[in-house]
Amino acid sequence: MKSQRIKTEKAAQLLGLPVQTLRVFIQHGKFPEFASAIKKEGSKHWIYYINATRLYEYLNIKEPIQTVI
């Protein structure tokens, strides 16, 4: 199955967390199983990577099937 990114908002919804809380957790390394955050050099901004496949495995749910129309 192809790994893909999932938006922070969607991941927060699945985890039952506020989006900002999830971002802080990822920054502090709370979910290394499926997410990481990198601070842009010379900036206050962060880049978040959340692997959808690993998140679904972590939550023990089936990954939604995507259909092409």
PDB file of N, CA and C in Angstrom:
ATOM      1  N   MET A   1       0.842  -1.177   0.000  1.00  0.00           N
ATOM      2  CA  MET A   1       0.000   0.000   0.000  1.00  0.00           C
ATOM      3  C   MET A   1       0.889   1.242   0.000  1.00  0.00           C
ATOM      4  N   LYS A   2       0.582   2.197  -0.824  1.00  0.00           N
ATOM      5  CA  LYS A   2       1.379   3.399  -0.961  1.00  0.00           C
ATOM      6  C   LYS A   2       1.226   4.296   0.271  1.00  0.00           C
ATOM      7  N   SER A   3       2.363   4.745   0.804  1.00  0.00           N
ATOM      8  CA  SER A   3       2.334   5.677   1.926  1.00  0.00           C
ATOM      9  C   SER A   3       2.010   7.062   1.404  1.00  0.00           C
ATOM     10  N   GLN A   4       1.250   7.790   2.173  1.00  0.00           N
ATOM     11  CA  GLN A   4       0.913   9.146   1.768  1.00  0.00           C
ATOM     12  C   GLN A   4       0.723  10.012   2.986  1.00  0.00           C
ATOM     13  N   ARG A   5       0.807  11.297   2.758  1.00  0.00           N
ATOM     14  CA  ARG A   5       0.628  12.255   3.840  1.00  0.00           C
ATOM     15  C   ARG A   5      -0.858  12.457   4.104  1.00  0.00           C
ATOM     16  N   ILE A   6      -1.127  12.861   5.332  1.00  0.00           N
ATOM     17  CA  ILE A   6      -2.486  13.216   5.709  1.00  0.00           C
ATOM     18  C   ILE A   6      -2.410  14.598   6.352  1.00  0.00           C
ATOM     19  N   LYS A   7      -3.397  15.405   6.135  1.00  0.00           N
ATOM     20  CA  LYS A   7      -3.400  16.759   6.692  1.00  0.00           C
ATOM     21  C   LYS A   7      -3.482  16.709   8.217  1.00  0.00           C
ATOM     22  N   THR A   8      -2.848  17.687   8.835  1.00  0.00           N
ATOM     23  CA  THR A   8      -2.829  17.782  10.291  1.00  0.00           C
ATOM     24  C   THR A   8      -4.250  17.853  10.850  1.00  0.00           C
ATOM     25  N   GLU A   9      -5.114  18.576  10.170  1.00  0.00           N
ATOM     26  CA  GLU A   9      -6.497  18.725  10.628  1.00  0.00           C
ATOM     27  C   GLU A   9      -7.225  17.383  10.653  1.00  0.00           C
ATOM     28  N   LYS A  10      -7.033  16.578   9.608  1.00  0.00           N
ATOM     29  CA  LYS A  10      -7.685  15.268   9.524  1.00  0.00           C
ATOM     30  C   LYS A  10      -7.128  14.322  10.584  1.00  0.00           C
ATOM     31  N   ALA A  11      -5.808  14.346  10.775  1.00  0.00           N
ATOM     32  CA  ALA A  11      -5.185  13.488  11.789  1.00  0.00           C
ATOM     33  C   ALA A  11      -5.689  13.859  13.186  1.00  0.00           C
ATOM     34  N   ALA A  12      -5.798  15.153  13.458  1.00  0.00           N
ATOM     35  CA  ALA A  12      -6.295  15.610  14.758  1.00  0.00           C
ATOM     36  C   ALA A  12      -7.721  15.123  14.984  1.00  0.00           C
ATOM     37  N   GLN A  13      -8.524  15.192  13.947  1.00  0.00           N
ATOM     38  CA  GLN A  13      -9.913  14.721  14.044  1.00  0.00           C
ATOM     39  C   GLN A  13      -9.941  13.226  14.372  1.00  0.00           C
ATOM     40  N   LEU A  14      -9.126  12.441  13.680  1.00  0.00           N
ATOM     41  CA  LEU A  14      -9.099  10.997  13.917  1.00  0.00           C
ATOM     42  C   LEU A  14      -8.608  10.657  15.325  1.00  0.00           C
ATOM     43  N   LEU A  15      -7.668  11.457  15.826  1.00  0.00           N
ATOM     44  CA  LEU A  15      -7.106  11.221  17.159  1.00  0.00           C
ATOM     45  C   LEU A  15      -7.952  11.828  18.272  1.00  0.00           C
ATOM     46  N   GLY A  16      -8.928  12.658  17.904  1.00  0.00           N
ATOM     47  CA  GLY A  16      -9.776  13.303  18.906  1.00  0.00           C
ATOM     48  C   GLY A  16      -9.043  14.398  19.671  1.00  0.00           C
ATOM     49  N   LEU A  17      -8.135  15.097  18.968  1.00  0.00           N
ATOM     50  CA  LEU A  17      -7.351  16.162  19.588  1.00  0.00           C
ATOM     51  C   LEU A  17      -7.575  17.476  18.855  1.00  0.00           C
ATOM     52  N   PRO A  18      -7.419  18.589  19.560  1.00  0.00           N
ATOM     53  CA  PRO A  18      -7.391  19.871  18.854  1.00  0.00           C
ATOM     54  C   PRO A  18      -6.157  19.916  17.946  1.00  0.00           C
ATOM     55  N   VAL A  19      -6.255  20.604  16.834  1.00  0.00           N
ATOM     56  CA  VAL A  19      -5.164  20.651  15.853  1.00  0.00           C
ATOM     57  C   VAL A  19      -3.880  21.192  16.484  1.00  0.00           C
ATOM     58  N   GLN A  20      -3.979  22.281  17.225  1.00  0.00           N
ATOM     59  CA  GLN A  20      -2.774  22.876  17.815  1.00  0.00           C
ATOM     60  C   GLN A  20      -2.131  21.928  18.825  1.00  0.00           C
ATOM     61  N   THR A  21      -2.926  21.184  19.563  1.00  0.00           N
ATOM     62  CA  THR A  21      -2.383  20.210  20.506  1.00  0.00           C
ATOM     63  C   THR A  21      -1.605  19.132  19.768  1.00  0.00           C
ATOM     64  N   LEU A  22      -2.154  18.650  18.676  1.00  0.00           N
ATOM     65  CA  LEU A  22      -1.450  17.646  17.880  1.00  0.00           C
ATOM     66  C   LEU A  22      -0.135  18.209  17.362  1.00  0.00           C
ATOM     67  N   ARG A  23      -0.147  19.434  16.882  1.00  0.00           N
ATOM     68  CA  ARG A  23       1.088  20.047  16.380  1.00  0.00           C
ATOM     69  C   ARG A  23       2.165  20.104  17.467  1.00  0.00           C
ATOM     70  N   VAL A  24       1.787  20.526  18.661  1.00  0.00           N
ATOM     71  CA  VAL A  24       2.749  20.608  19.760  1.00  0.00           C
ATOM     72  C   VAL A  24       3.251  19.211  20.130  1.00  0.00           C
ATOM     73  N   PHE A  25       2.352  18.243  20.187  1.00  0.00           N
ATOM     74  CA  PHE A  25       2.758  16.860  20.481  1.00  0.00           C
ATOM     75  C   PHE A  25       3.777  16.373  19.455  1.00  0.00           C
ATOM     76  N   ILE A  26       3.531  16.640  18.177  1.00  0.00           N
ATOM     77  CA  ILE A  26       4.450  16.193  17.127  1.00  0.00           C
ATOM     78  C   ILE A  26       5.796  16.911  17.266  1.00  0.00           C
ATOM     79  N   GLN A  27       5.767  18.207  17.558  1.00  0.00           N
ATOM     80  CA  GLN A  27       7.007  18.957  17.754  1.00  0.00           C
ATOM     81  C   GLN A  27       7.850  18.353  18.878  1.00  0.00           C
ATOM     82  N   HIS A  28       7.197  17.837  19.908  1.00  0.00           N
ATOM     83  CA  HIS A  28       7.889  17.270  21.060  1.00  0.00           C
ATOM     84  C   HIS A  28       8.130  15.763  20.925  1.00  0.00           C
ATOM     85  N   GLY A  29       7.858  15.219  19.737  1.00  0.00           N
ATOM     86  CA  GLY A  29       8.161  13.813  19.484  1.00  0.00           C
ATOM     87  C   GLY A  29       7.214  12.815  20.118  1.00  0.00           C
ATOM     88  N   LYS A  30       5.982  13.221  20.389  1.00  0.00           N
ATOM     89  CA  LYS A  30       5.010  12.338  21.041  1.00  0.00           C
ATOM     90  C   LYS A  30       4.502  11.204  20.155  1.00  0.00           C
ATOM     91  N   PHE A  31       4.491  11.373  18.847  1.00  0.00           N
ATOM     92  CA  PHE A  31       3.952  10.353  17.948  1.00  0.00           C
ATOM     93  C   PHE A  31       4.973   9.946  16.883  1.00  0.00           C
ATOM     94  N   PRO A  32       6.134   9.420  17.302  1.00  0.00           N
ATOM     95  CA  PRO A  32       7.152   9.048  16.312  1.00  0.00           C
ATOM     96  C   PRO A  32       6.719   7.884  15.424  1.00  0.00           C
ATOM     97  N   GLU A  33       5.679   7.176  15.832  1.00  0.00           N
ATOM     98  CA  GLU A  33       5.183   6.045  15.050  1.00  0.00           C
ATOM     99  C   GLU A  33       4.664   6.476  13.682  1.00  0.00           C
ATOM    100  N   PHE A  34       4.141   7.710  13.594  1.00  0.00           N
ATOM    101  CA  PHE A  34       3.532   8.128  12.332  1.00  0.00           C
ATOM    102  C   PHE A  34       3.767   9.586  11.960  1.00  0.00           C
ATOM    103  N   ALA A  35       4.440  10.378  12.807  1.00  0.00           N
ATOM    104  CA  ALA A  35       4.557  11.805  12.508  1.00  0.00           C
ATOM    105  C   ALA A  35       5.906  12.386  12.915  1.00  0.00           C
ATOM    106  N   SER A  36       6.278  13.457  12.214  1.00  0.00           N
ATOM    107  CA  SER A  36       7.476  14.203  12.580  1.00  0.00           C
ATOM    108  C   SER A  36       7.274  15.667  12.197  1.00  0.00           C
ATOM    109  N   ALA A  37       8.058  16.530  12.835  1.00  0.00           N
ATOM    110  CA  ALA A  37       7.984  17.956  12.561  1.00  0.00           C
ATOM    111  C   ALA A  37       9.401  18.495  12.422  1.00  0.00           C
ATOM    112  N   ILE A  38       9.557  19.403  11.478  1.00  0.00           N
ATOM    113  CA  ILE A  38      10.856  20.024  11.239  1.00  0.00           C
ATOM    114  C   ILE A  38      10.647  21.533  11.261  1.00  0.00           C
ATOM    115  N   LYS A  39      11.474  22.220  12.037  1.00  0.00           N
ATOM    116  CA  LYS A  39      11.386  23.679  12.076  1.00  0.00           C
ATOM    117  C   LYS A  39      12.223  24.240  10.936  1.00  0.00           C
ATOM    118  N   LYS A  40      11.618  25.114  10.163  1.00  0.00           N
ATOM    119  CA  LYS A  40      12.323  25.757   9.049  1.00  0.00           C
ATOM    120  C   LYS A  40      13.431  26.638   9.604  1.00  0.00           C
ATOM    121  N   GLU A  41      14.620  26.500   9.028  1.00  0.00           N
ATOM    122  CA  GLU A  41      15.773  27.265   9.478  1.00  0.00           C
ATOM    123  C   GLU A  41      15.530  28.766   9.310  1.00  0.00           C
ATOM    124  N   GLY A  42      15.829  29.517  10.351  1.00  0.00           N
ATOM    125  CA  GLY A  42      15.662  30.964  10.305  1.00  0.00           C
ATOM    126  C   GLY A  42      14.217  31.426  10.319  1.00  0.00           C
ATOM    127  N   SER A  43      13.310  30.538  10.746  1.00  0.00           N
ATOM    128  CA  SER A  43      11.891  30.865  10.738  1.00  0.00           C
ATOM    129  C   SER A  43      11.236  30.344  12.010  1.00  0.00           C
ATOM    130  N   LYS A  44      10.063  30.854  12.295  1.00  0.00           N
ATOM    131  CA  LYS A  44       9.302  30.329  13.427  1.00  0.00           C
ATOM    132  C   LYS A  44       8.303  29.256  12.983  1.00  0.00           C
ATOM    133  N   HIS A  45       8.289  28.959  11.690  1.00  0.00           N
ATOM    134  CA  HIS A  45       7.329  28.017  11.125  1.00  0.00           C
ATOM    135  C   HIS A  45       7.848  26.578  11.154  1.00  0.00           C
ATOM    136  N   TRP A  46       6.903  25.654  11.275  1.00  0.00           N
ATOM    137  CA  TRP A  46       7.201  24.229  11.298  1.00  0.00           C
ATOM    138  C   TRP A  46       6.565  23.549  10.097  1.00  0.00           C
ATOM    139  N   ILE A  47       7.186  22.458   9.668  1.00  0.00           N
ATOM    140  CA  ILE A  47       6.626  21.608   8.626  1.00  0.00           C
ATOM    141  C   ILE A  47       6.286  20.280   9.297  1.00  0.00           C
ATOM    142  N   TYR A  48       5.067  19.798   9.076  1.00  0.00           N
ATOM    143  CA  TYR A  48       4.604  18.552   9.691  1.00  0.00           C
ATOM    144  C   TYR A  48       4.450  17.473   8.638  1.00  0.00           C
ATOM    145  N   TYR A  49       4.926  16.279   8.962  1.00  0.00           N
ATOM    146  CA  TYR A  49       4.726  15.128   8.088  1.00  0.00           C
ATOM    147  C   TYR A  49       3.979  14.083   8.897  1.00  0.00           C
ATOM    148  N   ILE A  50       2.806  13.700   8.432  1.00  0.00           N
ATOM    149  CA  ILE A  50       2.020  12.652   9.083  1.00  0.00           C
ATOM    150  C   ILE A  50       1.754  11.591   8.028  1.00  0.00           C
ATOM    151  N   ASN A  51       2.252  10.393   8.277  1.00  0.00           N
ATOM    152  CA  ASN A  51       2.095   9.271   7.356  1.00  0.00           C
ATOM    153  C   ASN A  51       0.724   8.652   7.592  1.00  0.00           C
ATOM    154  N   ALA A  52      -0.139   8.710   6.586  1.00  0.00           N
ATOM    155  CA  ALA A  52      -1.523   8.236   6.720  1.00  0.00           C
ATOM    156  C   ALA A  52      -1.582   6.740   7.036  1.00  0.00           C
ATOM    157  N   THR A  53      -0.799   5.946   6.324  1.00  0.00           N
ATOM    158  CA  THR A  53      -0.839   4.497   6.527  1.00  0.00           C
ATOM    159  C   THR A  53      -0.455   4.140   7.952  1.00  0.00           C
ATOM    160  N   ARG A  54       0.610   4.753   8.451  1.00  0.00           N
ATOM    161  CA  ARG A  54       1.053   4.465   9.825  1.00  0.00           C
ATOM    162  C   ARG A  54       0.060   4.971  10.869  1.00  0.00           C
ATOM    163  N   LEU A  55      -0.584   6.109  10.576  1.00  0.00           N
ATOM    164  CA  LEU A  55      -1.597   6.630  11.497  1.00  0.00           C
ATOM    165  C   LEU A  55      -2.756   5.649  11.604  1.00  0.00           C
ATOM    166  N   TYR A  56      -3.228   5.152  10.465  1.00  0.00           N
ATOM    167  CA  TYR A  56      -4.340   4.190  10.491  1.00  0.00           C
ATOM    168  C   TYR A  56      -3.937   2.913  11.222  1.00  0.00           C
ATOM    169  N   GLU A  57      -2.699   2.468  11.034  1.00  0.00           N
ATOM    170  CA  GLU A  57      -2.220   1.290  11.761  1.00  0.00           C
ATOM    171  C   GLU A  57      -2.180   1.567  13.259  1.00  0.00           C
ATOM    172  N   TYR A  58      -1.692   2.745  13.639  1.00  0.00           N
ATOM    173  CA  TYR A  58      -1.615   3.148  15.048  1.00  0.00           C
ATOM    174  C   TYR A  58      -3.000   3.144  15.683  1.00  0.00           C
ATOM    175  N   LEU A  59      -3.994   3.622  14.938  1.00  0.00           N
ATOM    176  CA  LEU A  59      -5.365   3.685  15.440  1.00  0.00           C
ATOM    177  C   LEU A  59      -6.107   2.363  15.272  1.00  0.00           C
ATOM    178  N   ASN A  60      -5.459   1.413  14.588  1.00  0.00           N
ATOM    179  CA  ASN A  60      -6.053   0.094  14.334  1.00  0.00           C
ATOM    180  C   ASN A  60      -7.375   0.215  13.577  1.00  0.00           C
ATOM    181  N   ILE A  61      -7.364   1.066  12.543  1.00  0.00           N
ATOM    182  CA  ILE A  61      -8.531   1.195  11.684  1.00  0.00           C
ATOM    183  C   ILE A  61      -8.106   0.960  10.236  1.00  0.00           C
ATOM    184  N   LYS A  62      -9.063   0.571   9.427  1.00  0.00           N
ATOM    185  CA  LYS A  62      -8.774   0.346   8.015  1.00  0.00           C
ATOM    186  C   LYS A  62      -8.628   1.678   7.305  1.00  0.00           C
ATOM    187  N   GLU A  63      -7.663   1.725   6.408  1.00  0.00           N
ATOM    188  CA  GLU A  63      -7.435   2.935   5.625  1.00  0.00           C
ATOM    189  C   GLU A  63      -8.581   3.072   4.625  1.00  0.00           C
ATOM    190  N   PRO A  64      -9.149   4.262   4.476  1.00  0.00           N
ATOM    191  CA  PRO A  64     -10.236   4.443   3.510  1.00  0.00           C
ATOM    192  C   PRO A  64      -9.751   4.118   2.104  1.00  0.00           C
ATOM    193  N   ILE A  65     -10.612   3.488   1.354  1.00  0.00           N
ATOM    194  CA  ILE A  65     -10.305   3.164  -0.032  1.00  0.00           C
ATOM    195  C   ILE A  65     -10.568   4.384  -0.882  1.00  0.00           C
ATOM    196  N   GLN A  66      -9.577   4.764  -1.685  1.00  0.00           N
ATOM    197  CA  GLN A  66      -9.732   5.914  -2.566  1.00  0.00           C
ATOM    198  C   GLN A  66     -10.084   5.409  -3.955  1.00  0.00           C
ATOM    199  N   THR A  67     -11.123   5.979  -4.504  1.00  0.00           N
ATOM    200  CA  THR A  67     -11.541   5.576  -5.839  1.00  0.00           C
ATOM    201  C   THR A  67     -11.219   6.690  -6.822  1.00  0.00           C
ATOM    202  N   VAL A  68     -10.841   6.282  -8.001  1.00  0.00           N
ATOM    203  CA  VAL A  68     -10.538   7.241  -9.062  1.00  0.00           C
ATOM    204  C   VAL A  68     -11.741   7.280  -9.995  1.00  0.00           C
ATOM    205  N   ILE A  69     -12.223   8.478 -10.262  1.00  0.00           N
ATOM    206  CA  ILE A  69     -13.386   8.635 -11.140  1.00  0.00           C
ATOM    207  C   ILE A  69     -12.938   9.195 -12.457  1.00  0.00           C
TER     208      ILE A  69
END
